[in-house]
Amino acid sequence: MLTSIMKEYRTIVIEDDVRIRESMLKMLSTFEEIVVVGESDGVEAGLQLINKQVPDILLLDLELVDGTGFDILDKLQDEKTQVVVVTGHESFAYKTIESEVTDCLLKPISRPSLQLSLLKAFKNLDAFSAKDDMEEMFFENNRL
């Protein structure tokens, strides 16, 4: 368990390499907080899955069968979704800095590096949740 209060974070993995995707899914299964709600190997199927499942966390490869992870980032609608980019190319890793992603993992992925990325995502999601709770309380207490 990574957090003291047990929460579940809906997660999608988009990775075109089946072996890497299966490895990531296996690592993710060791985290009690993670519930994998889908997986994909491409942009179109990935976007459909994201729109249907609305994940908290998206693990996103940058080289996909029908485009790039940047195609998905450009169309991502939910600002709360925490994106962890997964790439084998350092040059792509630098480009992700401009995309406001949560983190970037270089392949091959290790469990400790994945764990650190997930902790960043959890922290960001918890901050969004706390902000939403505060706004709700404020408006509830200050009705016109």
N, C-alpha and C. Protein backbone atom coordinates (compact mmCIF):
# COMPACT_ATOMS: atom_id res chain seq x y z
N MET A 1 0.84 -1.17 0.00
CA MET A 1 0.00 0.00 0.00
C MET A 1 0.89 1.24 0.00
N LEU A 2 0.57 2.18 -0.91
CA LEU A 2 1.37 3.39 -1.03
C LEU A 2 0.83 4.54 -0.19
N THR A 3 -0.46 4.51 0.12
CA THR A 3 -1.07 5.60 0.86
C THR A 3 -1.71 5.08 2.14
N SER A 4 -1.86 5.96 3.14
CA SER A 4 -2.41 5.53 4.42
C SER A 4 -3.93 5.35 4.35
N ILE A 5 -4.62 6.16 3.54
CA ILE A 5 -6.05 6.02 3.36
C ILE A 5 -6.27 5.30 2.04
N MET A 6 -6.95 4.16 2.11
CA MET A 6 -7.11 3.34 0.92
C MET A 6 -8.08 4.00 -0.06
N LYS A 7 -7.58 4.35 -1.21
CA LYS A 7 -8.38 4.87 -2.31
C LYS A 7 -8.10 3.99 -3.51
N GLU A 8 -9.00 4.04 -4.45
CA GLU A 8 -8.77 3.33 -5.71
C GLU A 8 -8.64 4.35 -6.82
N TYR A 9 -7.64 4.15 -7.65
CA TYR A 9 -7.36 5.05 -8.77
C TYR A 9 -7.54 4.28 -10.07
N ARG A 10 -8.51 4.74 -10.87
CA ARG A 10 -8.82 4.11 -12.16
C ARG A 10 -7.66 4.40 -13.12
N THR A 11 -7.13 3.35 -13.71
CA THR A 11 -5.91 3.47 -14.51
C THR A 11 -6.07 2.81 -15.88
N ILE A 12 -5.53 3.48 -16.89
CA ILE A 12 -5.49 2.93 -18.24
C ILE A 12 -4.04 2.88 -18.69
N VAL A 13 -3.69 1.82 -19.40
CA VAL A 13 -2.35 1.66 -19.97
C VAL A 13 -2.48 1.68 -21.50
N ILE A 14 -1.76 2.59 -22.14
CA ILE A 14 -1.73 2.64 -23.60
C ILE A 14 -0.27 2.45 -24.02
N GLU A 15 0.00 1.28 -24.58
CA GLU A 15 1.36 0.85 -24.94
C GLU A 15 1.23 -0.11 -26.10
N ASP A 16 1.99 0.12 -27.18
CA ASP A 16 1.87 -0.74 -28.36
C ASP A 16 2.65 -2.06 -28.25
N ASP A 17 3.67 -2.11 -27.45
CA ASP A 17 4.47 -3.34 -27.29
C ASP A 17 3.79 -4.23 -26.26
N VAL A 18 3.30 -5.37 -26.71
CA VAL A 18 2.53 -6.28 -25.85
C VAL A 18 3.34 -6.71 -24.63
N ARG A 19 4.61 -7.03 -24.81
CA ARG A 19 5.44 -7.49 -23.68
C ARG A 19 5.59 -6.40 -22.63
N ILE A 20 5.82 -5.17 -23.07
CA ILE A 20 5.98 -4.07 -22.12
C ILE A 20 4.64 -3.78 -21.43
N ARG A 21 3.55 -3.80 -22.22
CA ARG A 21 2.23 -3.56 -21.64
C ARG A 21 1.91 -4.62 -20.58
N GLU A 22 2.17 -5.88 -20.89
CA GLU A 22 1.90 -6.95 -19.91
C GLU A 22 2.78 -6.79 -18.68
N SER A 23 4.01 -6.37 -18.86
CA SER A 23 4.91 -6.14 -17.73
C SER A 23 4.38 -5.01 -16.84
N MET A 24 3.92 -3.92 -17.47
CA MET A 24 3.37 -2.81 -16.70
C MET A 24 2.11 -3.24 -15.96
N LEU A 25 1.24 -4.00 -16.62
CA LEU A 25 0.02 -4.47 -15.98
C LEU A 25 0.34 -5.37 -14.78
N LYS A 26 1.36 -6.19 -14.93
CA LYS A 26 1.78 -7.06 -13.83
C LYS A 26 2.28 -6.23 -12.65
N MET A 27 3.11 -5.21 -12.93
CA MET A 27 3.61 -4.35 -11.86
C MET A 27 2.45 -3.58 -11.20
N LEU A 28 1.53 -3.07 -12.02
CA LEU A 28 0.40 -2.31 -11.49
C LEU A 28 -0.47 -3.18 -10.58
N SER A 29 -0.55 -4.46 -10.87
CA SER A 29 -1.39 -5.36 -10.06
C SER A 29 -0.86 -5.52 -8.64
N THR A 30 0.38 -5.11 -8.40
CA THR A 30 0.95 -5.22 -7.06
C THR A 30 0.61 -4.02 -6.17
N PHE A 31 -0.03 -3.02 -6.76
CA PHE A 31 -0.43 -1.83 -5.99
C PHE A 31 -1.92 -1.91 -5.70
N GLU A 32 -2.28 -2.00 -4.43
CA GLU A 32 -3.68 -2.16 -4.04
C GLU A 32 -4.54 -0.99 -4.50
N GLU A 33 -3.97 0.18 -4.61
CA GLU A 33 -4.72 1.38 -4.95
C GLU A 33 -5.12 1.44 -6.43
N ILE A 34 -4.45 0.68 -7.26
CA ILE A 34 -4.63 0.76 -8.71
C ILE A 34 -5.68 -0.25 -9.18
N VAL A 35 -6.65 0.28 -9.93
CA VAL A 35 -7.63 -0.56 -10.60
C VAL A 35 -7.49 -0.28 -12.10
N VAL A 36 -6.99 -1.25 -12.83
CA VAL A 36 -6.82 -1.07 -14.27
C VAL A 36 -8.19 -1.25 -14.93
N VAL A 37 -8.64 -0.19 -15.60
CA VAL A 37 -9.96 -0.22 -16.23
C VAL A 37 -9.87 -0.39 -17.74
N GLY A 38 -8.64 -0.48 -18.26
CA GLY A 38 -8.51 -0.72 -19.69
C GLY A 38 -7.07 -0.62 -20.16
N GLU A 39 -6.87 -1.16 -21.36
CA GLU A 39 -5.56 -1.12 -22.00
C GLU A 39 -5.76 -1.01 -23.50
N SER A 40 -4.79 -0.43 -24.16
CA SER A 40 -4.88 -0.21 -25.60
C SER A 40 -3.48 -0.15 -26.19
N ASP A 41 -3.44 -0.24 -27.55
CA ASP A 41 -2.14 -0.16 -28.23
C ASP A 41 -2.06 1.01 -29.21
N GLY A 42 -3.13 1.83 -29.26
CA GLY A 42 -3.12 2.89 -30.25
C GLY A 42 -3.90 4.13 -29.85
N VAL A 43 -3.82 5.13 -30.70
CA VAL A 43 -4.42 6.43 -30.43
C VAL A 43 -5.95 6.36 -30.46
N GLU A 44 -6.52 5.87 -31.55
CA GLU A 44 -7.99 5.86 -31.69
C GLU A 44 -8.65 5.01 -30.62
N ALA A 45 -8.17 3.78 -30.45
CA ALA A 45 -8.75 2.90 -29.42
C ALA A 45 -8.49 3.48 -28.03
N GLY A 46 -7.33 4.09 -27.85
CA GLY A 46 -7.00 4.69 -26.56
C GLY A 46 -7.91 5.84 -26.21
N LEU A 47 -8.19 6.72 -27.19
CA LEU A 47 -9.08 7.86 -26.94
C LEU A 47 -10.50 7.39 -26.63
N GLN A 48 -10.96 6.37 -27.33
CA GLN A 48 -12.29 5.82 -27.04
C GLN A 48 -12.34 5.28 -25.62
N LEU A 49 -11.30 4.58 -25.24
CA LEU A 49 -11.23 4.01 -23.90
C LEU A 49 -11.19 5.10 -22.83
N ILE A 50 -10.40 6.13 -23.06
CA ILE A 50 -10.29 7.25 -22.11
C ILE A 50 -11.64 7.94 -21.95
N ASN A 51 -12.32 8.20 -23.07
CA ASN A 51 -13.61 8.88 -23.01
C ASN A 51 -14.67 8.03 -22.32
N LYS A 52 -14.57 6.72 -22.47
CA LYS A 52 -15.54 5.82 -21.84
C LYS A 52 -15.25 5.62 -20.36
N GLN A 53 -13.99 5.44 -20.00
CA GLN A 53 -13.62 5.06 -18.63
C GLN A 53 -13.22 6.24 -17.74
N VAL A 54 -12.84 7.37 -18.32
CA VAL A 54 -12.40 8.57 -17.59
C VAL A 54 -11.43 8.17 -16.45
N PRO A 55 -10.20 7.84 -16.81
CA PRO A 55 -9.25 7.36 -15.80
C PRO A 55 -8.70 8.47 -14.91
N ASP A 56 -8.26 8.06 -13.73
CA ASP A 56 -7.53 8.97 -12.85
C ASP A 56 -6.08 9.07 -13.32
N ILE A 57 -5.56 7.91 -13.74
CA ILE A 57 -4.15 7.82 -14.15
C ILE A 57 -4.07 7.17 -15.53
N LEU A 58 -3.23 7.75 -16.38
CA LEU A 58 -3.00 7.22 -17.71
C LEU A 58 -1.52 6.97 -17.88
N LEU A 59 -1.15 5.72 -18.12
CA LEU A 59 0.23 5.38 -18.47
C LEU A 59 0.29 5.33 -19.98
N LEU A 60 1.08 6.22 -20.58
CA LEU A 60 1.00 6.47 -22.01
C LEU A 60 2.36 6.35 -22.69
N ASP A 61 2.45 5.39 -23.60
CA ASP A 61 3.63 5.28 -24.46
C ASP A 61 3.55 6.38 -25.51
N LEU A 62 4.67 6.81 -26.03
CA LEU A 62 4.66 7.88 -27.02
C LEU A 62 4.64 7.37 -28.46
N GLU A 63 5.11 6.15 -28.69
CA GLU A 63 5.08 5.59 -30.04
C GLU A 63 4.02 4.50 -30.07
N LEU A 64 2.93 4.77 -30.80
CA LEU A 64 1.80 3.85 -30.85
C LEU A 64 1.58 3.36 -32.27
N VAL A 65 0.71 2.36 -32.42
CA VAL A 65 0.53 1.75 -33.73
C VAL A 65 -0.05 2.69 -34.77
N ASP A 66 -0.87 3.66 -34.35
CA ASP A 66 -1.54 4.54 -35.31
C ASP A 66 -1.29 6.03 -35.04
N GLY A 67 -0.17 6.32 -34.41
CA GLY A 67 0.15 7.71 -34.12
C GLY A 67 1.09 7.80 -32.93
N THR A 68 0.98 8.91 -32.20
CA THR A 68 1.86 9.10 -31.04
C THR A 68 1.04 9.43 -29.80
N GLY A 69 1.67 9.27 -28.66
CA GLY A 69 1.05 9.66 -27.41
C GLY A 69 0.74 11.15 -27.37
N PHE A 70 1.48 11.95 -28.12
CA PHE A 70 1.21 13.38 -28.18
C PHE A 70 -0.16 13.64 -28.83
N ASP A 71 -0.57 12.77 -29.76
CA ASP A 71 -1.91 12.88 -30.35
C ASP A 71 -2.98 12.73 -29.27
N ILE A 72 -2.73 11.85 -28.33
CA ILE A 72 -3.67 11.65 -27.22
C ILE A 72 -3.61 12.83 -26.27
N LEU A 73 -2.40 13.26 -25.94
CA LEU A 73 -2.26 14.41 -25.02
C LEU A 73 -2.98 15.64 -25.55
N ASP A 74 -2.92 15.86 -26.86
CA ASP A 74 -3.58 17.02 -27.47
C ASP A 74 -5.09 16.97 -27.32
N LYS A 75 -5.65 15.76 -27.20
CA LYS A 75 -7.12 15.60 -27.15
C LYS A 75 -7.64 15.24 -25.76
N LEU A 76 -6.75 15.13 -24.81
CA LEU A 76 -7.17 14.77 -23.46
C LEU A 76 -8.02 15.89 -22.88
N GLN A 77 -9.21 15.55 -22.41
CA GLN A 77 -10.16 16.57 -21.97
C GLN A 77 -10.19 16.77 -20.47
N ASP A 78 -9.96 15.74 -19.69
CA ASP A 78 -10.08 15.86 -18.23
C ASP A 78 -8.74 16.31 -17.65
N GLU A 79 -8.70 17.54 -17.14
CA GLU A 79 -7.46 18.09 -16.60
C GLU A 79 -6.99 17.35 -15.35
N LYS A 80 -7.88 16.60 -14.73
CA LYS A 80 -7.51 15.88 -13.51
C LYS A 80 -6.75 14.59 -13.81
N THR A 81 -6.91 14.06 -15.03
CA THR A 81 -6.22 12.82 -15.37
C THR A 81 -4.72 13.02 -15.28
N GLN A 82 -4.07 12.17 -14.50
CA GLN A 82 -2.63 12.23 -14.31
C GLN A 82 -1.96 11.35 -15.36
N VAL A 83 -1.13 11.96 -16.18
CA VAL A 83 -0.48 11.24 -17.28
C VAL A 83 0.97 10.96 -16.92
N VAL A 84 1.31 9.68 -16.97
CA VAL A 84 2.69 9.25 -16.81
C VAL A 84 3.13 8.72 -18.18
N VAL A 85 4.02 9.45 -18.81
CA VAL A 85 4.51 9.07 -20.12
C VAL A 85 5.58 7.99 -19.96
N VAL A 86 5.51 7.01 -20.86
CA VAL A 86 6.47 5.92 -20.86
C VAL A 86 7.15 5.91 -22.23
N THR A 87 8.46 6.04 -22.25
CA THR A 87 9.16 6.10 -23.53
C THR A 87 10.54 5.47 -23.44
N GLY A 88 11.01 5.04 -24.57
CA GLY A 88 12.36 4.51 -24.66
C GLY A 88 13.34 5.52 -25.23
N HIS A 89 12.85 6.73 -25.48
CA HIS A 89 13.67 7.75 -26.14
C HIS A 89 13.81 8.98 -25.26
N GLU A 90 15.03 9.28 -24.88
CA GLU A 90 15.26 10.46 -24.02
C GLU A 90 14.81 11.75 -24.70
N SER A 91 14.96 11.84 -26.00
CA SER A 91 14.56 13.07 -26.70
C SER A 91 13.06 13.32 -26.54
N PHE A 92 12.25 12.24 -26.55
CA PHE A 92 10.81 12.38 -26.31
C PHE A 92 10.56 12.80 -24.87
N ALA A 93 11.37 12.28 -23.97
CA ALA A 93 11.19 12.60 -22.55
C ALA A 93 11.30 14.10 -22.33
N TYR A 94 12.24 14.74 -22.99
CA TYR A 94 12.40 16.19 -22.85
C TYR A 94 11.20 16.94 -23.41
N LYS A 95 10.63 16.44 -24.50
CA LYS A 95 9.47 17.09 -25.12
C LYS A 95 8.24 17.02 -24.21
N THR A 96 8.15 16.01 -23.35
CA THR A 96 6.97 15.87 -22.49
C THR A 96 6.91 16.96 -21.42
N ILE A 97 8.03 17.58 -21.13
CA ILE A 97 8.06 18.65 -20.12
C ILE A 97 7.09 19.76 -20.52
N GLU A 98 7.00 20.05 -21.80
CA GLU A 98 6.10 21.08 -22.31
C GLU A 98 4.64 20.66 -22.23
N SER A 99 4.37 19.38 -22.07
CA SER A 99 3.00 18.86 -22.11
C SER A 99 2.33 18.79 -20.74
N GLU A 100 3.01 19.23 -19.72
CA GLU A 100 2.45 19.23 -18.36
C GLU A 100 1.98 17.84 -17.91
N VAL A 101 2.80 16.84 -18.16
CA VAL A 101 2.49 15.51 -17.68
C VAL A 101 2.96 15.37 -16.23
N THR A 102 2.42 14.37 -15.55
CA THR A 102 2.77 14.14 -14.15
C THR A 102 4.21 13.67 -14.01
N ASP A 103 4.61 12.75 -14.89
CA ASP A 103 5.95 12.21 -14.82
C ASP A 103 6.29 11.53 -16.14
N CYS A 104 7.55 11.20 -16.31
CA CYS A 104 8.02 10.51 -17.51
C CYS A 104 8.94 9.38 -17.07
N LEU A 105 8.63 8.18 -17.54
CA LEU A 105 9.45 7.01 -17.23
C LEU A 105 10.17 6.54 -18.48
N LEU A 106 11.46 6.29 -18.33
CA LEU A 106 12.24 5.73 -19.44
C LEU A 106 12.22 4.21 -19.34
N LYS A 107 12.03 3.57 -20.50
CA LYS A 107 12.05 2.11 -20.56
C LYS A 107 13.49 1.64 -20.46
N PRO A 108 13.77 0.51 -19.88
CA PRO A 108 12.81 -0.38 -19.22
C PRO A 108 12.36 0.19 -17.87
N ILE A 109 11.11 -0.05 -17.55
CA ILE A 109 10.52 0.49 -16.33
C ILE A 109 10.80 -0.43 -15.16
N SER A 110 11.21 0.16 -14.05
CA SER A 110 11.41 -0.62 -12.83
C SER A 110 10.24 -0.36 -11.89
N ARG A 111 9.98 -1.27 -10.99
CA ARG A 111 8.89 -1.09 -10.03
C ARG A 111 9.13 0.14 -9.16
N PRO A 112 10.35 0.37 -8.63
CA PRO A 112 10.56 1.59 -7.82
C PRO A 112 10.28 2.89 -8.58
N SER A 113 10.67 2.97 -9.86
CA SER A 113 10.40 4.19 -10.61
C SER A 113 8.90 4.34 -10.88
N LEU A 114 8.22 3.23 -11.15
CA LEU A 114 6.77 3.28 -11.32
C LEU A 114 6.09 3.71 -10.03
N GLN A 115 6.57 3.20 -8.92
CA GLN A 115 6.01 3.55 -7.62
C GLN A 115 6.13 5.06 -7.36
N LEU A 116 7.28 5.64 -7.66
CA LEU A 116 7.46 7.09 -7.48
C LEU A 116 6.52 7.89 -8.37
N SER A 117 6.34 7.45 -9.60
CA SER A 117 5.42 8.13 -10.51
C SER A 117 3.99 8.04 -10.01
N LEU A 118 3.61 6.87 -9.52
CA LEU A 118 2.26 6.71 -8.99
C LEU A 118 2.03 7.59 -7.77
N LEU A 119 3.04 7.70 -6.92
CA LEU A 119 2.91 8.56 -5.74
C LEU A 119 2.69 10.02 -6.14
N LYS A 120 3.39 10.48 -7.18
CA LYS A 120 3.17 11.84 -7.68
C LYS A 120 1.73 12.00 -8.17
N ALA A 121 1.26 11.00 -8.90
CA ALA A 121 -0.11 11.05 -9.42
C ALA A 121 -1.12 11.06 -8.27
N PHE A 122 -0.91 10.20 -7.27
CA PHE A 122 -1.83 10.15 -6.12
C PHE A 122 -1.88 11.51 -5.42
N LYS A 123 -0.72 12.10 -5.22
CA LYS A 123 -0.64 13.39 -4.54
C LYS A 123 -1.41 14.46 -5.32
N ASN A 124 -1.22 14.50 -6.63
CA ASN A 124 -1.93 15.47 -7.46
C ASN A 124 -3.44 15.23 -7.44
N LEU A 125 -3.85 13.97 -7.52
CA LEU A 125 -5.27 13.65 -7.51
C LEU A 125 -5.89 14.01 -6.16
N ASP A 126 -5.17 13.75 -5.09
CA ASP A 126 -5.68 14.09 -3.75
C ASP A 126 -5.80 15.60 -3.60
N ALA A 127 -4.90 16.36 -4.21
CA ALA A 127 -4.98 17.82 -4.16
C ALA A 127 -6.21 18.31 -4.92
N PHE A 128 -6.49 17.72 -6.08
CA PHE A 128 -7.70 18.08 -6.83
C PHE A 128 -8.94 17.78 -6.00
N SER A 129 -8.94 16.62 -5.36
CA SER A 129 -10.08 16.21 -4.54
C SER A 129 -10.30 17.17 -3.38
N ALA A 130 -9.22 17.54 -2.70
CA ALA A 130 -9.32 18.47 -1.57
C ALA A 130 -9.83 19.83 -2.04
N LYS A 131 -9.36 20.28 -3.19
CA LYS A 131 -9.81 21.57 -3.73
C LYS A 131 -11.30 21.51 -4.05
N ASP A 132 -11.75 20.42 -4.66
CA ASP A 132 -13.17 20.26 -4.97
C ASP A 132 -14.01 20.25 -3.70
N ASP A 133 -13.53 19.57 -2.67
CA ASP A 133 -14.25 19.51 -1.39
C ASP A 133 -14.35 20.89 -0.77
N MET A 134 -13.26 21.66 -0.80
CA MET A 134 -13.26 23.00 -0.22
C MET A 134 -14.22 23.92 -0.98
N GLU A 135 -14.21 23.84 -2.30
CA GLU A 135 -15.11 24.67 -3.09
C GLU A 135 -16.57 24.31 -2.81
N GLU A 136 -16.86 23.04 -2.71
CA GLU A 136 -18.21 22.60 -2.41
C GLU A 136 -18.67 23.11 -1.04
N MET A 137 -17.81 23.02 -0.04
CA MET A 137 -18.15 23.51 1.30
C MET A 137 -18.36 25.02 1.27
N PHE A 138 -17.50 25.73 0.56
CA PHE A 138 -17.62 27.18 0.48
C PHE A 138 -18.97 27.59 -0.10
N PHE A 139 -19.32 26.98 -1.23
CA PHE A 139 -20.59 27.34 -1.88
C PHE A 139 -21.79 26.88 -1.07
N GLU A 140 -21.65 25.76 -0.40
CA GLU A 140 -22.73 25.27 0.48
C GLU A 140 -22.96 26.23 1.63
N ASN A 141 -21.90 26.78 2.19
CA ASN A 141 -21.99 27.68 3.35
C ASN A 141 -22.28 29.12 2.96
N ASN A 142 -22.17 29.45 1.69
CA ASN A 142 -22.34 30.85 1.27
C ASN A 142 -23.37 30.97 0.15
N ARG A 143 -24.46 30.30 0.32
CA ARG A 143 -25.54 30.41 -0.68
C ARG A 143 -26.15 31.79 -0.64
N LEU A 144 -26.51 32.27 -1.79
CA LEU A 144 -27.14 33.60 -1.89
C LEU A 144 -28.60 33.53 -1.53
